[in-house]
Amino acid sequence: MRIAHVLPYDARQPGGVQVHTLALSDALNAMGHQSEVFSPRKALRVQMGGTRADLSFHPSDLLRLRDFLRTPHDILHIQEPLLPSIGPLALLHPDAAPNVVTLHSAEPAAGSFYRRVGPLLRPLLRRADLAICATDISREIAAEILPTRVETIFPCLDLAPFSSVSRSPDPDTILFVGRDEPRKGLPTLIRALDLLPDARLVVAGPVSSATKRLANDRTTFLGPVPHDEVPKLLSTATCAAFPATGGEALGLVLIEAMTAGVPVAASDISGYRIASDNGSAALLSPPGDHVALAEQLKRLLEDPALRARLATSGRESADRFDARHIAEQHLSLYRSLQPS
């Protein structure tokens, strides 16, 4: 089967939708299918719903998209089809192959947008033969505009680099991986560190000057780290912390940490409850509560038996999201759209 994926974001930039799309395409290729991904090259960084996104409105990308869509394929799969430019244009392109779309967003701002512009979005989504939502949270957010046939499939992750990590943790080291956006909650973690005098924090990702000023001298800022270097970072962490305040459909970085056998403390938000099997594979605390987060991190740092238990349950929970499982689920849906 030939599958053409359309990704509205710059694939060279970090992001959950990028990770999912590339992992899904690679897994389909490994299964013997022909899978290709289009993504823009002339991207512009914009602010949307509390996060940054690299989208393209450049004429050269639109011409590349036209040529990509003209390449013969059996399935056209569009990620985040309602984002400006690339997604709607792909849906509006005359295409003989069945169209599949995936909606990922779990941010309340997306739900407000869907409700306000619903009369325009519903006819656009009706052009798709099938809609996939990344989680039940994404499905609830988009409920106002979804077409008749909707399925829920978790995002796809290539977990092999993380499952093969050889752990050699530095004592009392907490790792945070992610962008410094308000919804990621990094300031909450920095305040929690003040209550943990023997711990040190390593932050991998772009961080603002304002956030850096909140930190004490036991915090190390590595700046942006390529995705393929994250497994090595995880191997050196005693535990990982993800204090997001909301807007997470699942929490891919949390799943990667659990796969690597790193015990996790995270916010008790819907996406993280899904990722951690309702809290059985991670310690969860109220979002924005730095005291509660510090208490959970203290437990992890001081209790080797608890760390070992969470490392085991974390790996088991994370396996649900591995590419080999998720690609099979996608393939089953693709086949259901093919002529008999």
C-alpha atoms as a PDB file:
ATOM      1  CA  MET A   1       0.000   0.000   0.000  1.00  0.00           C
ATOM      2  CA  ARG A   2       1.205   3.528  -0.813  1.00  0.00           C
ATOM      3  CA  ILE A   3       0.503   6.084   1.937  1.00  0.00           C
ATOM      4  CA  ALA A   4       1.076   9.820   1.543  1.00  0.00           C
ATOM      5  CA  HIS A   5       1.284  11.725   4.844  1.00  0.00           C
ATOM      6  CA  VAL A   6       0.848  15.488   5.016  1.00  0.00           C
ATOM      7  CA  LEU A   7       2.437  17.149   8.048  1.00  0.00           C
ATOM      8  CA  PRO A   8       1.659  20.874   8.476  1.00  0.00           C
ATOM      9  CA  TYR A   9       4.643  21.448  10.788  1.00  0.00           C
ATOM     10  CA  ASP A  10       8.327  21.633   9.934  1.00  0.00           C
ATOM     11  CA  ALA A  11       9.526  18.058  10.505  1.00  0.00           C
ATOM     12  CA  ARG A  12      12.974  19.330  11.500  1.00  0.00           C
ATOM     13  CA  GLN A  13      11.568  21.012  14.599  1.00  0.00           C
ATOM     14  CA  PRO A  14      10.689  19.136  17.813  1.00  0.00           C
ATOM     15  CA  GLY A  15       7.044  18.391  18.448  1.00  0.00           C
ATOM     16  CA  GLY A  16       4.654  15.573  19.246  1.00  0.00           C
ATOM     17  CA  VAL A  17       2.841  15.598  15.896  1.00  0.00           C
ATOM     18  CA  GLN A  18       6.166  15.465  14.054  1.00  0.00           C
ATOM     19  CA  VAL A  19       7.373  12.544  16.202  1.00  0.00           C
ATOM     20  CA  HIS A  20       4.107  10.666  15.634  1.00  0.00           C
ATOM     21  CA  THR A  21       4.008  11.184  11.871  1.00  0.00           C
ATOM     22  CA  LEU A  22       7.617  10.214  11.225  1.00  0.00           C
ATOM     23  CA  ALA A  23       7.401   7.171  13.506  1.00  0.00           C
ATOM     24  CA  LEU A  24       4.186   6.022  11.823  1.00  0.00           C
ATOM     25  CA  SER A  25       5.670   6.410   8.351  1.00  0.00           C
ATOM     26  CA  ASP A  26       8.853   4.560   9.319  1.00  0.00           C
ATOM     27  CA  ALA A  27       6.858   1.725  10.886  1.00  0.00           C
ATOM     28  CA  LEU A  28       4.690   1.355   7.770  1.00  0.00           C
ATOM     29  CA  ASN A  29       7.801   1.231   5.593  1.00  0.00           C
ATOM     30  CA  ALA A  30       9.292  -1.428   7.871  1.00  0.00           C
ATOM     31  CA  MET A  31       6.106  -3.459   7.355  1.00  0.00           C
ATOM     32  CA  GLY A  32       6.683  -3.459   3.597  1.00  0.00           C
ATOM     33  CA  HIS A  33       4.498  -0.545   2.522  1.00  0.00           C
ATOM     34  CA  GLN A  34       5.489   2.663   0.713  1.00  0.00           C
ATOM     35  CA  SER A  35       5.059   5.612   3.039  1.00  0.00           C
ATOM     36  CA  GLU A  36       6.217   9.197   2.435  1.00  0.00           C
ATOM     37  CA  VAL A  37       5.856  12.384   4.485  1.00  0.00           C
ATOM     38  CA  PHE A  38       5.415  15.917   3.181  1.00  0.00           C
ATOM     39  CA  SER A  39       6.379  18.759   5.496  1.00  0.00           C
ATOM     40  CA  PRO A  40       7.069  22.447   4.830  1.00  0.00           C
ATOM     41  CA  ARG A  41      10.605  23.776   4.432  1.00  0.00           C
ATOM     42  CA  LYS A  42       9.864  27.505   4.613  1.00  0.00           C
ATOM     43  CA  ALA A  43       8.182  27.547   7.975  1.00  0.00           C
ATOM     44  CA  LEU A  44       7.161  30.573  10.015  1.00  0.00           C
ATOM     45  CA  ARG A  45       6.976  30.305  13.806  1.00  0.00           C
ATOM     46  CA  VAL A  46       3.599  31.384  15.171  1.00  0.00           C
ATOM     47  CA  GLN A  47       1.937  31.335  18.604  1.00  0.00           C
ATOM     48  CA  MET A  48      -1.202  29.221  18.856  1.00  0.00           C
ATOM     49  CA  GLY A  49      -3.145  28.203  21.942  1.00  0.00           C
ATOM     50  CA  GLY A  50      -0.234  28.506  24.352  1.00  0.00           C
ATOM     51  CA  THR A  51       2.339  26.782  22.167  1.00  0.00           C
ATOM     52  CA  ARG A  52       4.656  27.591  19.259  1.00  0.00           C
ATOM     53  CA  ALA A  53       4.230  26.031  15.846  1.00  0.00           C
ATOM     54  CA  ASP A  54       6.278  26.131  12.652  1.00  0.00           C
ATOM     55  CA  LEU A  55       3.772  26.511   9.799  1.00  0.00           C
ATOM     56  CA  SER A  56       4.218  27.489   6.164  1.00  0.00           C
ATOM     57  CA  PHE A  57       2.442  29.919   3.875  1.00  0.00           C
ATOM     58  CA  HIS A  58       5.348  30.114   1.434  1.00  0.00           C
ATOM     59  CA  PRO A  59       4.504  29.682  -2.283  1.00  0.00           C
ATOM     60  CA  SER A  60       7.348  27.198  -2.784  1.00  0.00           C
ATOM     61  CA  ASP A  61       5.904  24.899  -0.116  1.00  0.00           C
ATOM     62  CA  LEU A  62       2.454  25.117  -1.662  1.00  0.00           C
ATOM     63  CA  LEU A  63       3.880  24.159  -5.056  1.00  0.00           C
ATOM     64  CA  ARG A  64       5.759  21.253  -3.430  1.00  0.00           C
ATOM     65  CA  LEU A  65       2.523  20.150  -1.770  1.00  0.00           C
ATOM     66  CA  ARG A  66       0.718  20.178  -5.125  1.00  0.00           C
ATOM     67  CA  ASP A  67       3.421  17.997  -6.682  1.00  0.00           C
ATOM     68  CA  PHE A  68       3.420  15.655  -3.676  1.00  0.00           C
ATOM     69  CA  LEU A  69      -0.340  15.167  -3.887  1.00  0.00           C
ATOM     70  CA  ARG A  70      -0.081  14.342  -7.577  1.00  0.00           C
ATOM     71  CA  THR A  71       2.185  11.382  -6.810  1.00  0.00           C
ATOM     72  CA  PRO A  72       0.102   8.159  -6.982  1.00  0.00           C
ATOM     73  CA  HIS A  73      -0.985   6.866  -3.564  1.00  0.00           C
ATOM     74  CA  ASP A  74      -3.643   4.604  -2.045  1.00  0.00           C
ATOM     75  CA  ILE A  75      -4.246   6.652   1.128  1.00  0.00           C
ATOM     76  CA  LEU A  76      -3.804  10.351   1.866  1.00  0.00           C
ATOM     77  CA  HIS A  77      -3.317  10.914   5.609  1.00  0.00           C
ATOM     78  CA  ILE A  78      -3.378  14.533   6.804  1.00  0.00           C
ATOM     79  CA  GLN A  79      -2.238  15.465  10.308  1.00  0.00           C
ATOM     80  CA  GLU A  80      -3.993  18.422  12.001  1.00  0.00           C
ATOM     81  CA  PRO A  81      -5.991  19.195   8.827  1.00  0.00           C
ATOM     82  CA  LEU A  82      -7.476  22.442  10.143  1.00  0.00           C
ATOM     83  CA  LEU A  83      -4.233  24.319  10.737  1.00  0.00           C
ATOM     84  CA  PRO A  84      -3.795  27.224   8.331  1.00  0.00           C
ATOM     85  CA  SER A  85      -2.529  26.614   4.811  1.00  0.00           C
ATOM     86  CA  ILE A  86      -1.150  23.098   4.368  1.00  0.00           C
ATOM     87  CA  GLY A  87      -3.917  21.008   5.971  1.00  0.00           C
ATOM     88  CA  PRO A  88      -6.984  22.614   4.342  1.00  0.00           C
ATOM     89  CA  LEU A  89      -5.260  22.767   0.956  1.00  0.00           C
ATOM     90  CA  ALA A  90      -4.513  19.047   1.123  1.00  0.00           C
ATOM     91  CA  LEU A  91      -8.130  18.290   2.031  1.00  0.00           C
ATOM     92  CA  LEU A  92      -9.454  20.491  -0.788  1.00  0.00           C
ATOM     93  CA  HIS A  93      -7.171  18.942  -3.390  1.00  0.00           C
ATOM     94  CA  PRO A  94      -9.093  16.636  -5.759  1.00  0.00           C
ATOM     95  CA  ASP A  95      -7.916  13.171  -4.774  1.00  0.00           C
ATOM     96  CA  ALA A  96      -9.125   9.785  -5.925  1.00  0.00           C
ATOM     97  CA  ALA A  97      -7.592   8.042  -2.913  1.00  0.00           C
ATOM     98  CA  PRO A  98      -9.406   7.883   0.446  1.00  0.00           C
ATOM     99  CA  ASN A  99      -8.548  10.740   2.796  1.00  0.00           C
ATOM    100  CA  VAL A 100      -7.779  10.190   6.485  1.00  0.00           C
ATOM    101  CA  VAL A 101      -7.263  13.029   8.975  1.00  0.00           C
ATOM    102  CA  THR A 102      -5.885  12.993  12.511  1.00  0.00           C
ATOM    103  CA  LEU A 103      -6.767  15.624  15.117  1.00  0.00           C
ATOM    104  CA  HIS A 104      -4.272  15.887  17.972  1.00  0.00           C
ATOM    105  CA  SER A 105      -5.050  19.079  19.867  1.00  0.00           C
ATOM    106  CA  ALA A 106      -6.088  18.875  23.513  1.00  0.00           C
ATOM    107  CA  GLU A 107      -5.970  22.596  24.227  1.00  0.00           C
ATOM    108  CA  PRO A 108      -9.140  24.449  25.296  1.00  0.00           C
ATOM    109  CA  ALA A 109      -8.244  27.203  22.808  1.00  0.00           C
ATOM    110  CA  ALA A 110      -8.659  24.671  19.991  1.00  0.00           C
ATOM    111  CA  GLY A 111     -12.127  23.754  21.243  1.00  0.00           C
ATOM    112  CA  SER A 112     -13.126  27.428  21.322  1.00  0.00           C
ATOM    113  CA  PHE A 113     -11.845  27.859  17.772  1.00  0.00           C
ATOM    114  CA  TYR A 114     -13.745  24.789  16.565  1.00  0.00           C
ATOM    115  CA  ARG A 115     -16.983  26.090  18.086  1.00  0.00           C
ATOM    116  CA  ARG A 116     -16.610  29.590  16.669  1.00  0.00           C
ATOM    117  CA  VAL A 117     -15.711  28.492  13.149  1.00  0.00           C
ATOM    118  CA  GLY A 118     -17.670  25.240  13.130  1.00  0.00           C
ATOM    119  CA  PRO A 119     -19.907  26.099  10.146  1.00  0.00           C
ATOM    120  CA  LEU A 120     -16.779  26.484   8.001  1.00  0.00           C
ATOM    121  CA  LEU A 121     -14.847  23.554   9.434  1.00  0.00           C
ATOM    122  CA  ARG A 122     -17.547  20.875   9.318  1.00  0.00           C
ATOM    123  CA  PRO A 123     -17.882  20.887   5.490  1.00  0.00           C
ATOM    124  CA  LEU A 124     -14.093  20.764   5.222  1.00  0.00           C
ATOM    125  CA  LEU A 125     -13.805  17.721   7.492  1.00  0.00           C
ATOM    126  CA  ARG A 126     -16.646  15.994   5.630  1.00  0.00           C
ATOM    127  CA  ARG A 127     -14.239  15.678   2.721  1.00  0.00           C
ATOM    128  CA  ALA A 128     -12.325  13.123   4.787  1.00  0.00           C
ATOM    129  CA  ASP A 129     -13.388   9.496   4.613  1.00  0.00           C
ATOM    130  CA  LEU A 130     -12.273   8.900   8.179  1.00  0.00           C
ATOM    131  CA  ALA A 131     -11.219  11.055  11.152  1.00  0.00           C
ATOM    132  CA  ILE A 132      -8.834   9.813  13.835  1.00  0.00           C
ATOM    133  CA  CYS A 133      -8.448  11.478  17.227  1.00  0.00           C
ATOM    134  CA  ALA A 134      -5.191  11.007  19.117  1.00  0.00           C
ATOM    135  CA  THR A 135      -6.969  10.424  22.439  1.00  0.00           C
ATOM    136  CA  ASP A 136     -10.441  10.759  23.919  1.00  0.00           C
ATOM    137  CA  ILE A 137      -9.371  14.242  25.038  1.00  0.00           C
ATOM    138  CA  SER A 138      -8.757  15.298  21.433  1.00  0.00           C
ATOM    139  CA  ARG A 139     -12.089  13.736  20.492  1.00  0.00           C
ATOM    140  CA  GLU A 140     -13.947  15.694  23.150  1.00  0.00           C
ATOM    141  CA  ILE A 141     -12.239  18.957  22.144  1.00  0.00           C
ATOM    142  CA  ALA A 142     -13.241  18.465  18.485  1.00  0.00           C
ATOM    143  CA  ALA A 143     -16.712  17.005  19.139  1.00  0.00           C
ATOM    144  CA  GLU A 144     -18.495  19.998  17.557  1.00  0.00           C
ATOM    145  CA  ILE A 145     -16.994  19.451  14.107  1.00  0.00           C
ATOM    146  CA  LEU A 146     -16.254  15.745  13.767  1.00  0.00           C
ATOM    147  CA  PRO A 147     -17.625  13.821  10.773  1.00  0.00           C
ATOM    148  CA  THR A 148     -19.656  10.626  11.081  1.00  0.00           C
ATOM    149  CA  ARG A 149     -16.846   8.075  11.094  1.00  0.00           C
ATOM    150  CA  VAL A 150     -14.386   8.718  13.901  1.00  0.00           C
ATOM    151  CA  GLU A 151     -11.832   6.413  15.526  1.00  0.00           C
ATOM    152  CA  THR A 152      -9.421   6.955  18.425  1.00  0.00           C
ATOM    153  CA  ILE A 153      -5.831   5.754  17.988  1.00  0.00           C
ATOM    154  CA  PHE A 154      -2.981   6.795  20.263  1.00  0.00           C
ATOM    155  CA  PRO A 155      -0.018   8.649  18.728  1.00  0.00           C
ATOM    156  CA  CYS A 156       2.788   6.526  17.306  1.00  0.00           C
ATOM    157  CA  LEU A 157       6.229   6.415  18.929  1.00  0.00           C
ATOM    158  CA  ASP A 158       9.461   4.709  17.936  1.00  0.00           C
ATOM    159  CA  LEU A 159      10.355   3.508  21.414  1.00  0.00           C
ATOM    160  CA  ALA A 160      13.250   1.234  20.419  1.00  0.00           C
ATOM    161  CA  PRO A 161      15.978   3.839  21.205  1.00  0.00           C
ATOM    162  CA  PHE A 162      14.438   4.307  24.658  1.00  0.00           C
ATOM    163  CA  SER A 163      13.777   0.661  25.522  1.00  0.00           C
ATOM    164  CA  SER A 164      17.449  -0.141  24.886  1.00  0.00           C
ATOM    165  CA  VAL A 165      18.798   2.541  27.261  1.00  0.00           C
ATOM    166  CA  SER A 166      21.432   1.317  29.717  1.00  0.00           C
ATOM    167  CA  ARG A 167      20.737   3.191  32.935  1.00  0.00           C
ATOM    168  CA  SER A 168      23.578   4.771  34.929  1.00  0.00           C
ATOM    169  CA  PRO A 169      21.860   7.587  36.835  1.00  0.00           C
ATOM    170  CA  ASP A 170      23.664  10.437  38.502  1.00  0.00           C
ATOM    171  CA  PRO A 171      22.621  10.695  42.164  1.00  0.00           C
ATOM    172  CA  ASP A 172      19.695  13.003  42.982  1.00  0.00           C
ATOM    173  CA  THR A 173      19.307  14.221  39.384  1.00  0.00           C
ATOM    174  CA  ILE A 174      15.907  15.312  38.065  1.00  0.00           C
ATOM    175  CA  LEU A 175      15.446  15.704  34.311  1.00  0.00           C
ATOM    176  CA  PHE A 176      12.978  17.922  32.471  1.00  0.00           C
ATOM    177  CA  VAL A 177      12.662  17.636  28.687  1.00  0.00           C
ATOM    178  CA  GLY A 178      10.501  20.094  26.778  1.00  0.00           C
ATOM    179  CA  ARG A 179       9.904  23.642  25.671  1.00  0.00           C
ATOM    180  CA  ASP A 180       9.546  26.436  28.203  1.00  0.00           C
ATOM    181  CA  GLU A 181       5.908  27.282  27.486  1.00  0.00           C
ATOM    182  CA  PRO A 182       3.381  28.254  30.179  1.00  0.00           C
ATOM    183  CA  ARG A 183       1.461  24.988  29.752  1.00  0.00           C
ATOM    184  CA  LYS A 184       4.620  22.899  30.292  1.00  0.00           C
ATOM    185  CA  GLY A 185       4.925  24.184  33.877  1.00  0.00           C
ATOM    186  CA  LEU A 186       8.709  24.496  34.136  1.00  0.00           C
ATOM    187  CA  PRO A 187       8.545  27.341  36.718  1.00  0.00           C
ATOM    188  CA  THR A 188       6.573  25.001  39.001  1.00  0.00           C
ATOM    189  CA  LEU A 189       9.419  22.495  38.851  1.00  0.00           C
ATOM    190  CA  ILE A 190      12.034  25.186  39.496  1.00  0.00           C
ATOM    191  CA  ARG A 191      10.127  26.279  42.612  1.00  0.00           C
ATOM    192  CA  ALA A 192       9.872  22.638  43.725  1.00  0.00           C
ATOM    193  CA  LEU A 193      13.656  22.308  43.487  1.00  0.00           C
ATOM    194  CA  ASP A 194      14.032  25.002  46.170  1.00  0.00           C
ATOM    195  CA  LEU A 195      12.389  22.519  48.574  1.00  0.00           C
ATOM    196  CA  LEU A 196      14.835  19.744  47.651  1.00  0.00           C
ATOM    197  CA  PRO A 197      18.244  20.957  48.896  1.00  0.00           C
ATOM    198  CA  ASP A 198      20.149  17.820  47.852  1.00  0.00           C
ATOM    199  CA  ALA A 199      18.725  17.548  44.329  1.00  0.00           C
ATOM    200  CA  ARG A 200      19.835  19.059  41.071  1.00  0.00           C
ATOM    201  CA  LEU A 201      17.777  19.758  37.966  1.00  0.00           C
ATOM    202  CA  VAL A 202      18.794  19.304  34.332  1.00  0.00           C
ATOM    203  CA  VAL A 203      16.605  21.082  31.754  1.00  0.00           C
ATOM    204  CA  ALA A 204      16.769  19.997  28.113  1.00  0.00           C
ATOM    205  CA  GLY A 205      14.971  22.406  25.791  1.00  0.00           C
ATOM    206  CA  PRO A 206      14.736  26.098  24.964  1.00  0.00           C
ATOM    207  CA  VAL A 207      14.193  28.245  28.063  1.00  0.00           C
ATOM    208  CA  SER A 208      13.374  31.932  28.374  1.00  0.00           C
ATOM    209  CA  SER A 209      15.580  34.372  30.268  1.00  0.00           C
ATOM    210  CA  ALA A 210      12.715  35.063  32.672  1.00  0.00           C
ATOM    211  CA  THR A 211      12.453  31.392  33.628  1.00  0.00           C
ATOM    212  CA  LYS A 212      16.225  31.076  34.008  1.00  0.00           C
ATOM    213  CA  ARG A 213      16.183  33.930  36.511  1.00  0.00           C
ATOM    214  CA  LEU A 214      13.902  31.854  38.764  1.00  0.00           C
ATOM    215  CA  ALA A 215      16.424  29.030  39.033  1.00  0.00           C
ATOM    216  CA  ASN A 216      19.069  28.404  41.659  1.00  0.00           C
ATOM    217  CA  ASP A 217      22.644  27.258  41.035  1.00  0.00           C
ATOM    218  CA  ARG A 218      21.631  23.575  41.159  1.00  0.00           C
ATOM    219  CA  THR A 219      19.903  23.904  37.799  1.00  0.00           C
ATOM    220  CA  THR A 220      21.674  23.180  34.507  1.00  0.00           C
ATOM    221  CA  PHE A 221      20.137  24.480  31.268  1.00  0.00           C
ATOM    222  CA  LEU A 222      21.291  22.470  28.258  1.00  0.00           C
ATOM    223  CA  GLY A 223      19.293  24.386  25.666  1.00  0.00           C
ATOM    224  CA  PRO A 224      17.619  22.582  22.741  1.00  0.00           C
ATOM    225  CA  VAL A 225      18.661  18.917  22.514  1.00  0.00           C
ATOM    226  CA  PRO A 226      18.191  16.796  19.360  1.00  0.00           C
ATOM    227  CA  HIS A 227      15.582  14.102  19.835  1.00  0.00           C
ATOM    228  CA  ASP A 228      18.086  11.320  19.192  1.00  0.00           C
ATOM    229  CA  GLU A 229      20.149  12.497  22.178  1.00  0.00           C
ATOM    230  CA  VAL A 230      17.263  12.317  24.652  1.00  0.00           C
ATOM    231  CA  PRO A 231      17.738   8.574  25.422  1.00  0.00           C
ATOM    232  CA  LYS A 232      21.293   9.257  26.597  1.00  0.00           C
ATOM    233  CA  LEU A 233      20.048  12.066  28.836  1.00  0.00           C
ATOM    234  CA  LEU A 234      17.411   9.796  30.327  1.00  0.00           C
ATOM    235  CA  SER A 235      20.048   7.205  31.148  1.00  0.00           C
ATOM    236  CA  THR A 236      21.711   9.652  33.561  1.00  0.00           C
ATOM    237  CA  ALA A 237      18.573  10.829  35.414  1.00  0.00           C
ATOM    238  CA  THR A 238      17.456   9.515  38.785  1.00  0.00           C
ATOM    239  CA  CYS A 239      13.928  10.554  37.845  1.00  0.00           C
ATOM    240  CA  ALA A 240      12.075  12.825  35.428  1.00  0.00           C
ATOM    241  CA  ALA A 241       9.498  15.521  36.062  1.00  0.00           C
ATOM    242  CA  PHE A 242       6.766  16.801  33.748  1.00  0.00           C
ATOM    243  CA  PRO A 243       4.684  19.470  35.532  1.00  0.00           C
ATOM    244  CA  ALA A 244       2.406  20.519  32.633  1.00  0.00           C
ATOM    245  CA  THR A 245      -0.674  22.533  33.516  1.00  0.00           C
ATOM    246  CA  GLY A 246      -2.894  21.113  30.757  1.00  0.00           C
ATOM    247  CA  GLY A 247      -3.330  20.996  27.002  1.00  0.00           C
ATOM    248  CA  GLU A 248      -1.579  17.615  26.651  1.00  0.00           C
ATOM    249  CA  ALA A 249      -3.439  14.981  24.648  1.00  0.00           C
ATOM    250  CA  LEU A 250      -1.056  12.322  25.927  1.00  0.00           C
ATOM    251  CA  GLY A 251       2.504  13.376  26.825  1.00  0.00           C
ATOM    252  CA  LEU A 252       4.973  11.726  24.470  1.00  0.00           C
ATOM    253  CA  VAL A 253       8.077  12.708  26.429  1.00  0.00           C
ATOM    254  CA  LEU A 254       6.578  11.137  29.546  1.00  0.00           C
ATOM    255  CA  ILE A 255       6.095   7.857  27.636  1.00  0.00           C
ATOM    256  CA  GLU A 256       9.667   7.981  26.350  1.00  0.00           C
ATOM    257  CA  ALA A 257      10.964   8.414  29.896  1.00  0.00           C
ATOM    258  CA  MET A 258       8.883   5.493  31.165  1.00  0.00           C
ATOM    259  CA  THR A 259      10.141   3.321  28.296  1.00  0.00           C
ATOM    260  CA  ALA A 260      13.713   4.107  29.350  1.00  0.00           C
ATOM    261  CA  GLY A 261      12.934   2.892  32.864  1.00  0.00           C
ATOM    262  CA  VAL A 262      13.054   6.380  34.388  1.00  0.00           C
ATOM    263  CA  PRO A 263      10.598   6.886  37.264  1.00  0.00           C
ATOM    264  CA  VAL A 264       8.359   9.870  36.598  1.00  0.00           C
ATOM    265  CA  ALA A 265       6.647  12.569  38.651  1.00  0.00           C
ATOM    266  CA  ALA A 266       4.063  14.467  36.630  1.00  0.00           C
ATOM    267  CA  SER A 267       0.960  16.620  36.840  1.00  0.00           C
ATOM    268  CA  ASP A 268      -2.392  15.000  37.389  1.00  0.00           C
ATOM    269  CA  ILE A 269      -3.887  16.082  34.059  1.00  0.00           C
ATOM    270  CA  SER A 270      -6.015  14.022  31.688  1.00  0.00           C
ATOM    271  CA  GLY A 271      -3.313  13.302  29.094  1.00  0.00           C
ATOM    272  CA  TYR A 272      -0.803  12.191  31.699  1.00  0.00           C
ATOM    273  CA  ARG A 273      -3.388   9.960  33.378  1.00  0.00           C
ATOM    274  CA  ILE A 274      -3.817   8.189  30.023  1.00  0.00           C
ATOM    275  CA  ALA A 275      -0.056   7.876  29.512  1.00  0.00           C
ATOM    276  CA  SER A 276       0.576   6.572  33.037  1.00  0.00           C
ATOM    277  CA  ASP A 277      -2.328   4.095  33.090  1.00  0.00           C
ATOM    278  CA  ASN A 278      -4.342   6.258  35.465  1.00  0.00           C
ATOM    279  CA  GLY A 279      -1.361   6.988  37.691  1.00  0.00           C
ATOM    280  CA  SER A 280      -0.214   3.394  38.233  1.00  0.00           C
ATOM    281  CA  ALA A 281       3.014   4.024  36.285  1.00  0.00           C
ATOM    282  CA  ALA A 282       3.926   7.511  37.597  1.00  0.00           C
ATOM    283  CA  LEU A 283       3.488   9.733  40.637  1.00  0.00           C
ATOM    284  CA  LEU A 284       0.905  12.409  39.872  1.00  0.00           C
ATOM    285  CA  SER A 285       0.270  15.676  41.716  1.00  0.00           C
ATOM    286  CA  PRO A 286      -2.054  18.662  41.185  1.00  0.00           C
ATOM    287  CA  PRO A 287      -0.881  20.917  38.327  1.00  0.00           C
ATOM    288  CA  GLY A 288       0.784  24.130  39.465  1.00  0.00           C
ATOM    289  CA  ASP A 289       1.328  22.864  43.029  1.00  0.00           C
ATOM    290  CA  HIS A 290       5.103  23.037  43.524  1.00  0.00           C
ATOM    291  CA  VAL A 291       4.903  21.779  47.128  1.00  0.00           C
ATOM    292  CA  ALA A 292       3.044  18.609  46.102  1.00  0.00           C
ATOM    293  CA  LEU A 293       5.460  18.093  43.207  1.00  0.00           C
ATOM    294  CA  ALA A 294       8.423  18.461  45.568  1.00  0.00           C
ATOM    295  CA  GLU A 295       6.922  15.832  47.874  1.00  0.00           C
ATOM    296  CA  GLN A 296       6.580  13.339  45.019  1.00  0.00           C
ATOM    297  CA  LEU A 297      10.111  14.014  43.799  1.00  0.00           C
ATOM    298  CA  LYS A 298      11.429  13.596  47.352  1.00  0.00           C
ATOM    299  CA  ARG A 299       9.787  10.166  47.495  1.00  0.00           C
ATOM    300  CA  LEU A 300      11.439   9.167  44.239  1.00  0.00           C
ATOM    301  CA  LEU A 301      14.863  10.432  45.215  1.00  0.00           C
ATOM    302  CA  GLU A 302      14.811   8.704  48.620  1.00  0.00           C
ATOM    303  CA  ASP A 303      13.105   5.379  47.848  1.00  0.00           C
ATOM    304  CA  PRO A 304      14.987   2.945  45.542  1.00  0.00           C
ATOM    305  CA  ALA A 305      12.213   0.338  45.832  1.00  0.00           C
ATOM    306  CA  LEU A 306       9.618   2.852  44.633  1.00  0.00           C
ATOM    307  CA  ARG A 307      11.854   3.827  41.727  1.00  0.00           C
ATOM    308  CA  ALA A 308      12.265   0.187  40.744  1.00  0.00           C
ATOM    309  CA  ARG A 309       8.510  -0.451  40.899  1.00  0.00           C
ATOM    310  CA  LEU A 310       7.728   2.579  38.749  1.00  0.00           C
ATOM    311  CA  ALA A 311      10.463   1.677  36.267  1.00  0.00           C
ATOM    312  CA  THR A 312       8.796  -1.702  35.713  1.00  0.00           C
ATOM    313  CA  SER A 313       5.209  -0.440  35.562  1.00  0.00           C
ATOM    314  CA  GLY A 314       6.301   2.487  33.390  1.00  0.00           C
ATOM    315  CA  ARG A 315       7.821   0.206  30.754  1.00  0.00           C
ATOM    316  CA  GLU A 316       4.715  -1.978  30.726  1.00  0.00           C
ATOM    317  CA  SER A 317       2.374   1.006  30.366  1.00  0.00           C
ATOM    318  CA  ALA A 318       4.468   2.670  27.667  1.00  0.00           C
ATOM    319  CA  ASP A 319       4.518  -0.427  25.467  1.00  0.00           C
ATOM    320  CA  ARG A 320       0.897   0.336  24.458  1.00  0.00           C
ATOM    321  CA  PHE A 321       2.185   3.254  22.386  1.00  0.00           C
ATOM    322  CA  ASP A 322       4.994   1.533  20.513  1.00  0.00           C
ATOM    323  CA  ALA A 323       5.081   2.013  16.753  1.00  0.00           C
ATOM    324  CA  ARG A 324       4.555  -1.654  15.947  1.00  0.00           C
ATOM    325  CA  HIS A 325       1.145  -1.640  17.686  1.00  0.00           C
ATOM    326  CA  ILE A 326      -0.017   1.764  16.509  1.00  0.00           C
ATOM    327  CA  ALA A 327       1.006   1.220  12.872  1.00  0.00           C
ATOM    328  CA  GLU A 328      -1.012  -2.009  12.760  1.00  0.00           C
ATOM    329  CA  GLN A 329      -4.097  -0.148  13.973  1.00  0.00           C
ATOM    330  CA  HIS A 330      -3.653   2.509  11.288  1.00  0.00           C
ATOM    331  CA  LEU A 331      -3.097  -0.107   8.623  1.00  0.00           C
ATOM    332  CA  SER A 332      -6.325  -1.872   9.574  1.00  0.00           C
ATOM    333  CA  LEU A 333      -8.251   1.380   9.081  1.00  0.00           C
ATOM    334  CA  TYR A 334      -6.499   2.124   5.792  1.00  0.00           C
ATOM    335  CA  ARG A 335      -7.502  -1.306   4.487  1.00  0.00           C
ATOM    336  CA  SER A 336     -11.108  -0.745   5.521  1.00  0.00           C
ATOM    337  CA  LEU A 337     -11.218   2.227   3.109  1.00  0.00           C
ATOM    338  CA  GLN A 338      -9.895   0.310   0.116  1.00  0.00           C
ATOM    339  CA  PRO A 339     -12.277  -0.955  -2.580  1.00  0.00           C
ATOM    340  CA  SER A 340     -13.342  -4.569  -2.103  1.00  0.00           C
END
